[in-house]
Amino acid sequence: MSTNSILEKRFFEEVQKRAGWANAHIQELEKNPDNKEVLYLLFQDIHPVRGLAIFLDMANIERVVSPIEKYLDDRLHDTETLSTGNFELLKKMICEFNNSLAVSIKDIPNSQHFQINK
């Protein structure tokens, strides 16, 4: 297995774990949209994914993750709570992130064991 394949496999293992955490944080935000701590945890789930995607030159994932990271950063600095419209937009962005991962994972040999929760 090439070094690139190993790095990509490890990347997707890490991203799968973070996607699971992100999904749990989204569910928590749905119950309590003014919880900035959970919003920050969601930001921490997404931020390293962007950095790793840039490092591994995975433009398709970086292109999806960057707006999510910016959106979360903006919401963290808002004084208002996460409105219903903002929350629905965030869920849509996370869903798009999950979908882009599923498509990217298919490109890696022997990757059938990866499952992304939606």
Protein backbone atom coordinates (compact mmCIF):
# COMPACT_ATOMS: atom_id res chain seq x y z
CA MET A 1 0.00 0.00 0.00
CA SER A 2 1.44 3.39 -0.95
CA THR A 3 2.10 6.14 1.58
CA ASN A 4 -0.67 8.20 0.01
CA SER A 5 -3.17 5.36 0.37
CA ILE A 6 -2.19 4.89 4.01
CA LEU A 7 -2.54 8.62 4.72
CA GLU A 8 -5.90 8.76 2.96
CA LYS A 9 -7.14 5.71 4.85
CA ARG A 10 -6.06 7.22 8.18
CA PHE A 11 -7.61 10.54 7.17
CA PHE A 12 -10.97 8.93 6.52
CA GLU A 13 -10.78 6.94 9.74
CA GLU A 14 -10.25 10.20 11.65
CA VAL A 15 -12.94 11.99 9.66
CA GLN A 16 -15.41 9.18 10.26
CA LYS A 17 -14.86 9.54 14.00
CA ARG A 18 -15.27 13.32 13.80
CA ALA A 19 -18.38 13.00 11.62
CA GLY A 20 -19.93 10.85 14.33
CA TRP A 21 -19.11 13.47 16.94
CA ALA A 22 -20.45 16.22 14.67
CA ASN A 23 -23.72 14.33 14.24
CA ALA A 24 -24.04 13.99 18.03
CA HIS A 25 -23.32 17.70 18.48
CA ILE A 26 -25.92 18.60 15.85
CA GLN A 27 -28.50 16.58 17.77
CA GLU A 28 -27.53 18.36 20.99
CA LEU A 29 -27.79 21.78 19.28
CA GLU A 30 -31.25 20.87 18.03
CA LYS A 31 -32.33 20.46 21.66
CA ASN A 32 -30.42 23.48 22.96
CA PRO A 33 -29.56 25.94 20.15
CA ASP A 34 -28.08 28.58 22.47
CA ASN A 35 -25.38 26.24 23.81
CA LYS A 36 -22.17 27.90 22.60
CA GLU A 37 -20.08 25.15 24.19
CA VAL A 38 -21.63 22.52 21.90
CA LEU A 39 -21.27 24.88 18.95
CA TYR A 40 -17.57 25.19 19.82
CA LEU A 41 -17.23 21.39 20.06
CA LEU A 42 -18.79 21.13 16.59
CA PHE A 43 -16.25 23.67 15.34
CA GLN A 44 -13.48 21.51 16.87
CA ASP A 45 -14.88 18.50 15.01
CA ILE A 46 -14.71 20.31 11.66
CA HIS A 47 -11.57 22.48 11.91
CA PRO A 48 -8.95 19.66 11.83
CA VAL A 49 -10.72 18.03 8.89
CA ARG A 50 -10.18 21.16 6.83
CA GLY A 51 -6.48 21.31 7.75
CA LEU A 52 -5.93 17.66 6.91
CA ALA A 53 -7.87 17.98 3.65
CA ILE A 54 -5.63 20.88 2.63
CA PHE A 55 -2.51 18.94 3.65
CA LEU A 56 -3.60 15.87 1.65
CA ASP A 57 -4.75 18.00 -1.31
CA MET A 58 -8.36 16.80 -1.07
CA ALA A 59 -9.92 19.87 -2.63
CA ASN A 60 -13.40 18.34 -2.87
CA ILE A 61 -13.56 17.89 0.91
CA GLU A 62 -11.82 21.17 1.71
CA ARG A 63 -14.31 22.97 -0.55
CA VAL A 64 -17.22 21.58 1.51
CA VAL A 65 -15.62 21.93 4.95
CA SER A 66 -14.34 25.53 4.61
CA PRO A 67 -17.78 27.16 4.51
CA ILE A 68 -18.92 25.04 7.48
CA GLU A 69 -15.89 26.10 9.48
CA LYS A 70 -16.44 29.78 8.62
CA TYR A 71 -20.15 29.53 9.38
CA LEU A 72 -19.45 27.95 12.79
CA ASP A 73 -16.79 30.55 13.56
CA ASP A 74 -19.25 33.33 12.69
CA ARG A 75 -21.95 31.76 14.91
CA LEU A 76 -19.49 31.44 17.78
CA HIS A 77 -18.95 35.19 17.66
CA ASP A 78 -22.66 36.05 17.37
CA THR A 79 -24.39 37.30 20.49
CA GLU A 80 -27.69 35.79 19.39
CA THR A 81 -28.73 32.15 19.67
CA LEU A 82 -28.76 29.79 16.71
CA SER A 83 -32.09 30.49 15.00
CA THR A 84 -34.19 27.77 13.37
CA GLY A 85 -33.18 28.96 9.90
CA ASN A 86 -29.51 29.01 10.84
CA PHE A 87 -29.80 25.57 12.39
CA GLU A 88 -31.44 24.12 9.27
CA LEU A 89 -28.67 25.63 7.12
CA LEU A 90 -26.05 24.11 9.42
CA LYS A 91 -27.71 20.68 9.20
CA LYS A 92 -27.78 20.96 5.40
CA MET A 93 -24.07 21.86 5.34
CA ILE A 94 -23.18 18.91 7.60
CA CYS A 95 -25.26 16.60 5.39
CA GLU A 96 -23.36 17.86 2.32
CA PHE A 97 -20.12 17.22 4.21
CA ASN A 98 -21.21 13.63 4.96
CA ASN A 99 -22.19 13.12 1.32
CA SER A 100 -18.84 14.41 0.04
CA LEU A 101 -17.06 12.01 2.39
CA ALA A 102 -19.11 9.07 1.16
CA VAL A 103 -18.22 9.89 -2.46
CA SER A 104 -14.52 10.41 -1.65
CA ILE A 105 -14.27 7.21 0.35
CA LYS A 106 -15.45 5.19 -2.66
CA ASP A 107 -12.26 6.29 -4.47
CA ILE A 108 -10.00 4.53 -1.94
CA PRO A 109 -9.23 0.86 -2.53
CA ASN A 110 -10.55 -1.50 0.18
CA SER A 111 -12.67 1.24 1.76
CA GLN A 112 -15.97 -0.64 1.91
CA HIS A 113 -15.76 -0.80 5.72
CA PHE A 114 -16.30 2.96 6.07
CA GLN A 115 -19.77 4.10 7.05
CA ILE A 116 -20.73 7.73 7.53
CA ASN A 117 -23.79 8.34 9.68
CA LYS A 118 -26.29 10.83 8.30
